[in-house]
Amino acid sequence: MADTVLNNIVFQGDKKLITHYNVVSDNAGSTTKIVDVSA
């Protein structure tokens, strides 16, 4: 099983970006890319 992760963009404009990240761990730990500039 893996951590339960929610990662999304709430708002994106020309200058501002707002992201929301939520995790519930299963004891494994995790790494999540919360900003992917190429996207």
All heavy atoms as atom14 arrays in JSON, in Angstrom:
{
  "sequence": "MADTVLNNIVFQGDKKLITHYNVVSDNAGSTTKIVDVSA",
  "atom14_mask": [
    [1, 1, 1, 1, 1, 1, 1, 1, 0, 0, 0, 0, 0, 0],
    [1, 1, 1, 1, 1, 0, 0, 0, 0, 0, 0, 0, 0, 0],
    [1, 1, 1, 1, 1, 1, 1, 1, 0, 0, 0, 0, 0, 0],
    [1, 1, 1, 1, 1, 1, 1, 0, 0, 0, 0, 0, 0, 0],
    [1, 1, 1, 1, 1, 1, 1, 0, 0, 0, 0, 0, 0, 0],
    [1, 1, 1, 1, 1, 1, 1, 1, 0, 0, 0, 0, 0, 0],
    [1, 1, 1, 1, 1, 1, 1, 1, 0, 0, 0, 0, 0, 0],
    [1, 1, 1, 1, 1, 1, 1, 1, 0, 0, 0, 0, 0, 0],
    [1, 1, 1, 1, 1, 1, 1, 1, 0, 0, 0, 0, 0, 0],
    [1, 1, 1, 1, 1, 1, 1, 0, 0, 0, 0, 0, 0, 0],
    [1, 1, 1, 1, 1, 1, 1, 1, 1, 1, 1, 0, 0, 0],
    [1, 1, 1, 1, 1, 1, 1, 1, 1, 0, 0, 0, 0, 0],
    [1, 1, 1, 1, 0, 0, 0, 0, 0, 0, 0, 0, 0, 0],
    [1, 1, 1, 1, 1, 1, 1, 1, 0, 0, 0, 0, 0, 0],
    [1, 1, 1, 1, 1, 1, 1, 1, 1, 0, 0, 0, 0, 0],
    [1, 1, 1, 1, 1, 1, 1, 1, 1, 0, 0, 0, 0, 0],
    [1, 1, 1, 1, 1, 1, 1, 1, 0, 0, 0, 0, 0, 0],
    [1, 1, 1, 1, 1, 1, 1, 1, 0, 0, 0, 0, 0, 0],
    [1, 1, 1, 1, 1, 1, 1, 0, 0, 0, 0, 0, 0, 0],
    [1, 1, 1, 1, 1, 1, 1, 1, 1, 1, 0, 0, 0, 0],
    [1, 1, 1, 1, 1, 1, 1, 1, 1, 1, 1, 1, 0, 0],
    [1, 1, 1, 1, 1, 1, 1, 1, 0, 0, 0, 0, 0, 0],
    [1, 1, 1, 1, 1, 1, 1, 0, 0, 0, 0, 0, 0, 0],
    [1, 1, 1, 1, 1, 1, 1, 0, 0, 0, 0, 0, 0, 0],
    [1, 1, 1, 1, 1, 1, 0, 0, 0, 0, 0, 0, 0, 0],
    [1, 1, 1, 1, 1, 1, 1, 1, 0, 0, 0, 0, 0, 0],
    [1, 1, 1, 1, 1, 1, 1, 1, 0, 0, 0, 0, 0, 0],
    [1, 1, 1, 1, 1, 0, 0, 0, 0, 0, 0, 0, 0, 0],
    [1, 1, 1, 1, 0, 0, 0, 0, 0, 0, 0, 0, 0, 0],
    [1, 1, 1, 1, 1, 1, 0, 0, 0, 0, 0, 0, 0, 0],
    [1, 1, 1, 1, 1, 1, 1, 0, 0, 0, 0, 0, 0, 0],
    [1, 1, 1, 1, 1, 1, 1, 0, 0, 0, 0, 0, 0, 0],
    [1, 1, 1, 1, 1, 1, 1, 1, 1, 0, 0, 0, 0, 0],
    [1, 1, 1, 1, 1, 1, 1, 1, 0, 0, 0, 0, 0, 0],
    [1, 1, 1, 1, 1, 1, 1, 0, 0, 0, 0, 0, 0, 0],
    [1, 1, 1, 1, 1, 1, 1, 1, 0, 0, 0, 0, 0, 0],
    [1, 1, 1, 1, 1, 1, 1, 0, 0, 0, 0, 0, 0, 0],
    [1, 1, 1, 1, 1, 1, 0, 0, 0, 0, 0, 0, 0, 0],
    [1, 1, 1, 1, 1, 0, 0, 0, 0, 0, 0, 0, 0, 0]
  ],
  "atom14_positions": [
    [[0.84, -1.18, 0.0], [0.0, 0.0, 0.0], [0.89, 1.24, 0.0], [2.0, 1.21, 0.47], [-0.9, -0.03, 1.23], [-2.01, 0.96, 1.18], [-3.18, 0.6, 2.51], [-3.87, 2.19, 2.71], [0.0, 0.0, 0.0], [0.0, 0.0, 0.0], [0.0, 0.0, 0.0], [0.0, 0.0, 0.0], [0.0, 0.0, 0.0], [0.0, 0.0, 0.0]],
    [[0.38, 2.34, -0.49], [1.15, 3.59, -0.55], [0.44, 4.68, 0.23], [-0.74, 4.56, 0.56], [1.3, 4.01, -2.0], [0.0, 0.0, 0.0], [0.0, 0.0, 0.0], [0.0, 0.0, 0.0], [0.0, 0.0, 0.0], [0.0, 0.0, 0.0], [0.0, 0.0, 0.0], [0.0, 0.0, 0.0], [0.0, 0.0, 0.0], [0.0, 0.0, 0.0]],
    [[1.19, 5.75, 0.52], [0.56, 6.91, 1.15], [-0.61, 7.36, 0.28], [-0.57, 7.24, -0.95], [1.56, 8.06, 1.27], [2.63, 7.82, 2.31], [2.52, 6.85, 3.07], [3.58, 8.61, 2.36], [0.0, 0.0, 0.0], [0.0, 0.0, 0.0], [0.0, 0.0, 0.0], [0.0, 0.0, 0.0], [0.0, 0.0, 0.0], [0.0, 0.0, 0.0]],
    [[-1.63, 7.92, 0.91], [-2.75, 8.5, 0.18], [-2.44, 9.98, -0.02], [-2.29, 10.72, 0.95], [-4.06, 8.33, 0.97], [-4.25, 6.94, 1.23], [-5.23, 8.89, 0.21], [0.0, 0.0, 0.0], [0.0, 0.0, 0.0], [0.0, 0.0, 0.0], [0.0, 0.0, 0.0], [0.0, 0.0, 0.0], [0.0, 0.0, 0.0], [0.0, 0.0, 0.0]],
    [[-2.3, 10.38, -1.28], [-1.86, 11.74, -1.59], [-2.87, 12.42, -2.51], [-3.32, 11.84, -3.49], [-0.47, 11.73, -2.28], [-0.07, 13.14, -2.71], [0.58, 11.14, -1.36], [0.0, 0.0, 0.0], [0.0, 0.0, 0.0], [0.0, 0.0, 0.0], [0.0, 0.0, 0.0], [0.0, 0.0, 0.0], [0.0, 0.0, 0.0], [0.0, 0.0, 0.0]],
    [[-3.21, 13.65, -2.17], [-4.0, 14.54, -3.04], [-3.1, 15.72, -3.34], [-2.57, 16.35, -2.41], [-5.27, 15.0, -2.33], [-6.03, 16.15, -3.0], [-6.66, 15.65, -4.3], [-7.09, 16.71, -2.09], [0.0, 0.0, 0.0], [0.0, 0.0, 0.0], [0.0, 0.0, 0.0], [0.0, 0.0, 0.0], [0.0, 0.0, 0.0], [0.0, 0.0, 0.0]],
    [[-2.88, 16.0, -4.6], [-2.0, 17.1, -4.98], [-2.62, 17.78, -6.18], [-2.75, 17.17, -7.24], [-0.61, 16.54, -5.33], [0.37, 17.61, -5.71], [0.42, 18.66, -5.08], [1.14, 17.37, -6.75], [0.0, 0.0, 0.0], [0.0, 0.0, 0.0], [0.0, 0.0, 0.0], [0.0, 0.0, 0.0], [0.0, 0.0, 0.0], [0.0, 0.0, 0.0]],
    [[-3.04, 19.04, -6.02], [-3.65, 19.71, -7.17], [-3.38, 21.2, -7.19], [-2.96, 21.79, -6.2], [-5.16, 19.43, -7.24], [-5.91, 19.91, -6.03], [-5.35, 20.49, -5.12], [-7.2, 19.67, -6.01], [0.0, 0.0, 0.0], [0.0, 0.0, 0.0], [0.0, 0.0, 0.0], [0.0, 0.0, 0.0], [0.0, 0.0, 0.0], [0.0, 0.0, 0.0]],
    [[-3.61, 21.78, -8.36], [-3.52, 23.23, -8.53], [-4.9, 23.81, -8.27], [-5.88, 23.41, -8.89], [-3.04, 23.57, -9.95], [-1.58, 23.11, -10.14], [-3.17, 25.06, -10.23], [-1.05, 23.29, -11.54], [0.0, 0.0, 0.0], [0.0, 0.0, 0.0], [0.0, 0.0, 0.0], [0.0, 0.0, 0.0], [0.0, 0.0, 0.0], [0.0, 0.0, 0.0]],
    [[-4.96, 24.76, -7.35], [-6.21, 25.42, -6.99], [-6.45, 26.62, -7.91], [-7.58, 26.89, -8.31], [-6.19, 25.86, -5.51], [-7.43, 26.63, -5.14], [-5.99, 24.66, -4.6], [0.0, 0.0, 0.0], [0.0, 0.0, 0.0], [0.0, 0.0, 0.0], [0.0, 0.0, 0.0], [0.0, 0.0, 0.0], [0.0, 0.0, 0.0], [0.0, 0.0, 0.0]],
    [[-5.37, 27.32, -8.23], [-5.47, 28.51, -9.08], [-4.17, 28.67, -9.84], [-3.09, 28.43, -9.31], [-5.7, 29.77, -8.23], [-5.63, 31.05, -9.03], [-6.72, 31.48, -9.76], [-4.46, 31.79, -9.07], [-6.65, 32.64, -10.52], [-4.38, 32.95, -9.82], [-5.48, 33.38, -10.54], [0.0, 0.0, 0.0], [0.0, 0.0, 0.0], [0.0, 0.0, 0.0]],
    [[-4.3, 29.09, -11.11], [-3.12, 29.42, -11.9], [-3.41, 30.61, -12.78], [-4.34, 30.58, -13.59], [-2.68, 28.23, -12.77], [-1.44, 28.54, -13.54], [-0.88, 27.37, -14.32], [0.19, 27.51, -14.87], [-1.55, 26.24, -14.41], [0.0, 0.0, 0.0], [0.0, 0.0, 0.0], [0.0, 0.0, 0.0], [0.0, 0.0, 0.0], [0.0, 0.0, 0.0]],
    [[-2.65, 31.68, -12.58], [-2.74, 32.87, -13.41], [-1.4, 33.12, -14.06], [-0.5, 32.29, -14.01], [0.0, 0.0, 0.0], [0.0, 0.0, 0.0], [0.0, 0.0, 0.0], [0.0, 0.0, 0.0], [0.0, 0.0, 0.0], [0.0, 0.0, 0.0], [0.0, 0.0, 0.0], [0.0, 0.0, 0.0], [0.0, 0.0, 0.0], [0.0, 0.0, 0.0]],
    [[-1.25, 34.3, -14.67], [0.02, 34.63, -15.31], [1.17, 34.74, -14.31], [2.3, 34.37, -14.61], [-0.08, 35.95, -16.08], [-0.83, 35.78, -17.4], [-1.0, 34.63, -17.85], [-1.24, 36.81, -17.97], [0.0, 0.0, 0.0], [0.0, 0.0, 0.0], [0.0, 0.0, 0.0], [0.0, 0.0, 0.0], [0.0, 0.0, 0.0], [0.0, 0.0, 0.0]],
    [[0.88, 35.24, -13.11], [1.94, 35.46, -12.13], [1.82, 34.58, -10.9], [2.81, 34.28, -10.24], [1.96, 36.92, -11.69], [2.32, 37.86, -12.81], [2.39, 39.28, -12.33], [2.75, 40.2, -13.49], [2.91, 41.57, -13.1], [0.0, 0.0, 0.0], [0.0, 0.0, 0.0], [0.0, 0.0, 0.0], [0.0, 0.0, 0.0], [0.0, 0.0, 0.0]],
    [[0.63, 34.16, -10.55], [0.41, 33.45, -9.29], [-0.04, 32.02, -9.53], [-0.75, 31.73, -10.49], [-0.66, 34.18, -8.46], [-0.82, 33.63, -7.05], [-1.96, 34.3, -6.29], [-1.61, 35.73, -5.99], [-2.61, 36.36, -5.09], [0.0, 0.0, 0.0], [0.0, 0.0, 0.0], [0.0, 0.0, 0.0], [0.0, 0.0, 0.0], [0.0, 0.0, 0.0]],
    [[0.38, 31.14, -8.62], [0.01, 29.73, -8.63], [-0.32, 29.36, -7.19], [0.42, 29.71, -6.28], [1.18, 28.89, -9.14], [1.03, 27.37, -9.05], [0.02, 26.88, -10.08], [2.38, 26.69, -9.27], [0.0, 0.0, 0.0], [0.0, 0.0, 0.0], [0.0, 0.0, 0.0], [0.0, 0.0, 0.0], [0.0, 0.0, 0.0], [0.0, 0.0, 0.0]],
    [[-1.45, 28.67, -7.0], [-1.81, 28.19, -5.66], [-1.97, 26.68, -5.74], [-2.72, 26.17, -6.59], [-3.09, 28.85, -5.12], [-2.87, 30.37, -5.0], [-3.48, 28.26, -3.76], [-4.09, 31.16, -4.6], [0.0, 0.0, 0.0], [0.0, 0.0, 0.0], [0.0, 0.0, 0.0], [0.0, 0.0, 0.0], [0.0, 0.0, 0.0], [0.0, 0.0, 0.0]],
    [[-1.25, 25.96, -4.86], [-1.3, 24.51, -4.84], [-1.84, 24.02, -3.5], [-1.68, 24.68, -2.47], [0.09, 23.88, -5.08], [1.0, 24.35, -4.07], [0.61, 24.23, -6.45], [0.0, 0.0, 0.0], [0.0, 0.0, 0.0], [0.0, 0.0, 0.0], [0.0, 0.0, 0.0], [0.0, 0.0, 0.0], [0.0, 0.0, 0.0], [0.0, 0.0, 0.0]],
    [[-2.47, 22.85, -3.53], [-2.99, 22.19, -2.33], [-2.48, 20.77, -2.32], [-2.63, 20.04, -3.31], [-4.52, 22.2, -2.35], [-5.12, 21.44, -1.22], [-5.49, 20.12, -1.34], [-5.4, 21.79, 0.06], [-5.99, 19.7, -0.19], [-5.93, 20.7, 0.68], [0.0, 0.0, 0.0], [0.0, 0.0, 0.0], [0.0, 0.0, 0.0], [0.0, 0.0, 0.0]],
    [[-1.85, 20.37, -1.22], [-1.28, 19.03, -1.06], [-1.78, 18.45, 0.25], [-1.83, 19.15, 1.26], [0.25, 19.14, -1.04], [0.98, 17.92, -0.54], [1.29, 16.88, -1.4], [1.37, 17.81, 0.78], [1.98, 15.75, -0.95], [2.05, 16.7, 1.24], [2.35, 15.68, 0.38], [3.03, 14.57, 0.82], [0.0, 0.0, 0.0], [0.0, 0.0, 0.0]],
    [[-2.2, 17.19, 0.21], [-2.64, 16.5, 1.42], [-2.11, 15.07, 1.38], [-2.17, 14.43, 0.33], [-4.16, 16.5, 1.51], [-4.64, 15.83, 2.77], [-4.9, 14.64, 2.79], [-4.73, 16.6, 3.85], [0.0, 0.0, 0.0], [0.0, 0.0, 0.0], [0.0, 0.0, 0.0], [0.0, 0.0, 0.0], [0.0, 0.0, 0.0], [0.0, 0.0, 0.0]],
    [[-1.6, 14.59, 2.51], [-1.08, 13.23, 2.59], [-1.54, 12.57, 3.88], [-1.62, 13.21, 4.92], [0.46, 13.19, 2.49], [1.11, 13.92, 3.66], [0.97, 11.77, 2.39], [0.0, 0.0, 0.0], [0.0, 0.0, 0.0], [0.0, 0.0, 0.0], [0.0, 0.0, 0.0], [0.0, 0.0, 0.0], [0.0, 0.0, 0.0], [0.0, 0.0, 0.0]],
    [[-1.87, 11.28, 3.78], [-2.09, 10.42, 4.95], [-1.12, 9.27, 4.77], [-1.18, 8.54, 3.77], [-3.55, 9.91, 5.04], [-3.7, 8.97, 6.23], [-4.52, 11.07, 5.13], [0.0, 0.0, 0.0], [0.0, 0.0, 0.0], [0.0, 0.0, 0.0], [0.0, 0.0, 0.0], [0.0, 0.0, 0.0], [0.0, 0.0, 0.0], [0.0, 0.0, 0.0]],
    [[-0.22, 9.11, 5.72], [0.85, 8.14, 5.58], [0.41, 6.72, 5.92], [-0.42, 6.5, 6.79], [2.02, 8.52, 6.48], [3.04, 7.55, 6.36], [0.0, 0.0, 0.0], [0.0, 0.0, 0.0], [0.0, 0.0, 0.0], [0.0, 0.0, 0.0], [0.0, 0.0, 0.0], [0.0, 0.0, 0.0], [0.0, 0.0, 0.0], [0.0, 0.0, 0.0]],
    [[1.04, 5.77, 5.23], [0.84, 4.36, 5.53], [2.08, 3.77, 6.19], [2.21, 2.57, 6.31], [0.5, 3.57, 4.26], [1.71, 3.44, 3.35], [2.69, 4.18, 3.54], [1.67, 2.6, 2.45], [0.0, 0.0, 0.0], [0.0, 0.0, 0.0], [0.0, 0.0, 0.0], [0.0, 0.0, 0.0], [0.0, 0.0, 0.0], [0.0, 0.0, 0.0]],
    [[3.02, 4.61, 6.57], [4.27, 4.24, 7.24], [5.42, 4.11, 6.24], [6.53, 3.82, 6.63], [4.12, 2.93, 8.02], [5.24, 2.71, 9.0], [5.78, 3.65, 9.55], [5.59, 1.46, 9.24], [0.0, 0.0, 0.0], [0.0, 0.0, 0.0], [0.0, 0.0, 0.0], [0.0, 0.0, 0.0], [0.0, 0.0, 0.0], [0.0, 0.0, 0.0]],
    [[5.18, 4.34, 4.96], [6.24, 4.17, 3.97], [6.99, 5.46, 3.66], [8.12, 5.42, 3.22], [5.66, 3.6, 2.68], [0.0, 0.0, 0.0], [0.0, 0.0, 0.0], [0.0, 0.0, 0.0], [0.0, 0.0, 0.0], [0.0, 0.0, 0.0], [0.0, 0.0, 0.0], [0.0, 0.0, 0.0], [0.0, 0.0, 0.0], [0.0, 0.0, 0.0]],
    [[6.34, 6.59, 3.86], [6.93, 7.85, 3.44], [6.73, 8.03, 1.95], [6.37, 7.09, 1.23], [0.0, 0.0, 0.0], [0.0, 0.0, 0.0], [0.0, 0.0, 0.0], [0.0, 0.0, 0.0], [0.0, 0.0, 0.0], [0.0, 0.0, 0.0], [0.0, 0.0, 0.0], [0.0, 0.0, 0.0], [0.0, 0.0, 0.0], [0.0, 0.0, 0.0]],
    [[6.95, 9.23, 1.47], [6.74, 9.48, 0.04], [7.4, 10.79, -0.38], [7.71, 11.64, 0.45], [5.24, 9.57, -0.27], [4.65, 10.66, 0.41], [0.0, 0.0, 0.0], [0.0, 0.0, 0.0], [0.0, 0.0, 0.0], [0.0, 0.0, 0.0], [0.0, 0.0, 0.0], [0.0, 0.0, 0.0], [0.0, 0.0, 0.0], [0.0, 0.0, 0.0]],
    [[7.59, 10.91, -1.69], [8.04, 12.16, -2.3], [7.04, 12.49, -3.4], [6.71, 11.64, -4.22], [9.45, 12.01, -2.92], [10.38, 11.69, -1.88], [9.89, 13.29, -3.61], [0.0, 0.0, 0.0], [0.0, 0.0, 0.0], [0.0, 0.0, 0.0], [0.0, 0.0, 0.0], [0.0, 0.0, 0.0], [0.0, 0.0, 0.0], [0.0, 0.0, 0.0]],
    [[6.56, 13.73, -3.39], [5.57, 14.18, -4.38], [6.05, 15.47, -5.0], [6.45, 16.4, -4.28], [4.2, 14.41, -3.71], [3.79, 13.21, -3.06], [3.16, 14.83, -4.72], [0.0, 0.0, 0.0], [0.0, 0.0, 0.0], [0.0, 0.0, 0.0], [0.0, 0.0, 0.0], [0.0, 0.0, 0.0], [0.0, 0.0, 0.0], [0.0, 0.0, 0.0]],
    [[5.99, 15.56, -6.33], [6.3, 16.8, -7.02], [5.05, 17.67, -6.93], [4.03, 17.35, -7.52], [6.66, 16.51, -8.47], [7.09, 17.74, -9.24], [7.38, 17.44, -10.69], [8.48, 16.42, -10.82], [8.92, 16.22, -12.21], [0.0, 0.0, 0.0], [0.0, 0.0, 0.0], [0.0, 0.0, 0.0], [0.0, 0.0, 0.0], [0.0, 0.0, 0.0]],
    [[5.12, 18.76, -6.15], [3.94, 19.61, -6.01], [3.91, 20.74, -7.02], [2.86, 21.33, -7.25], [3.73, 20.14, -4.57], [4.87, 21.05, -4.13], [3.52, 19.01, -3.61], [4.54, 21.84, -2.87], [0.0, 0.0, 0.0], [0.0, 0.0, 0.0], [0.0, 0.0, 0.0], [0.0, 0.0, 0.0], [0.0, 0.0, 0.0], [0.0, 0.0, 0.0]],
    [[5.07, 21.07, -7.6], [5.1, 22.04, -8.69], [5.96, 21.45, -9.8], [7.13, 21.13, -9.59], [5.69, 23.4, -8.26], [5.8, 24.35, -9.46], [4.86, 24.04, -7.16], [0.0, 0.0, 0.0], [0.0, 0.0, 0.0], [0.0, 0.0, 0.0], [0.0, 0.0, 0.0], [0.0, 0.0, 0.0], [0.0, 0.0, 0.0], [0.0, 0.0, 0.0]],
    [[5.34, 21.29, -10.96], [6.03, 20.82, -12.16], [6.03, 22.0, -13.13], [5.02, 22.26, -13.8], [5.3, 19.62, -12.75], [5.92, 19.1, -14.03], [6.89, 19.73, -14.53], [5.45, 18.07, -14.53], [0.0, 0.0, 0.0], [0.0, 0.0, 0.0], [0.0, 0.0, 0.0], [0.0, 0.0, 0.0], [0.0, 0.0, 0.0], [0.0, 0.0, 0.0]],
    [[7.14, 22.75, -13.19], [7.13, 23.98, -13.98], [6.89, 23.72, -15.46], [6.34, 24.58, -16.15], [8.41, 24.83, -13.79], [8.5, 25.36, -12.38], [9.65, 24.09, -14.17], [0.0, 0.0, 0.0], [0.0, 0.0, 0.0], [0.0, 0.0, 0.0], [0.0, 0.0, 0.0], [0.0, 0.0, 0.0], [0.0, 0.0, 0.0], [0.0, 0.0, 0.0]],
    [[7.26, 22.55, -15.96], [7.04, 22.27, -17.37], [5.55, 22.16, -17.71], [5.16, 22.29, -18.87], [7.76, 20.98, -17.79], [7.18, 19.86, -17.16], [0.0, 0.0, 0.0], [0.0, 0.0, 0.0], [0.0, 0.0, 0.0], [0.0, 0.0, 0.0], [0.0, 0.0, 0.0], [0.0, 0.0, 0.0], [0.0, 0.0, 0.0], [0.0, 0.0, 0.0]],
    [[4.72, 21.95, -16.69], [3.27, 21.82, -16.91], [2.52, 23.14, -16.7], [1.31, 23.2, -16.9], [2.7, 20.76, -15.98], [0.0, 0.0, 0.0], [0.0, 0.0, 0.0], [0.0, 0.0, 0.0], [0.0, 0.0, 0.0], [0.0, 0.0, 0.0], [0.0, 0.0, 0.0], [0.0, 0.0, 0.0], [0.0, 0.0, 0.0], [0.0, 0.0, 0.0]]
  ]
}
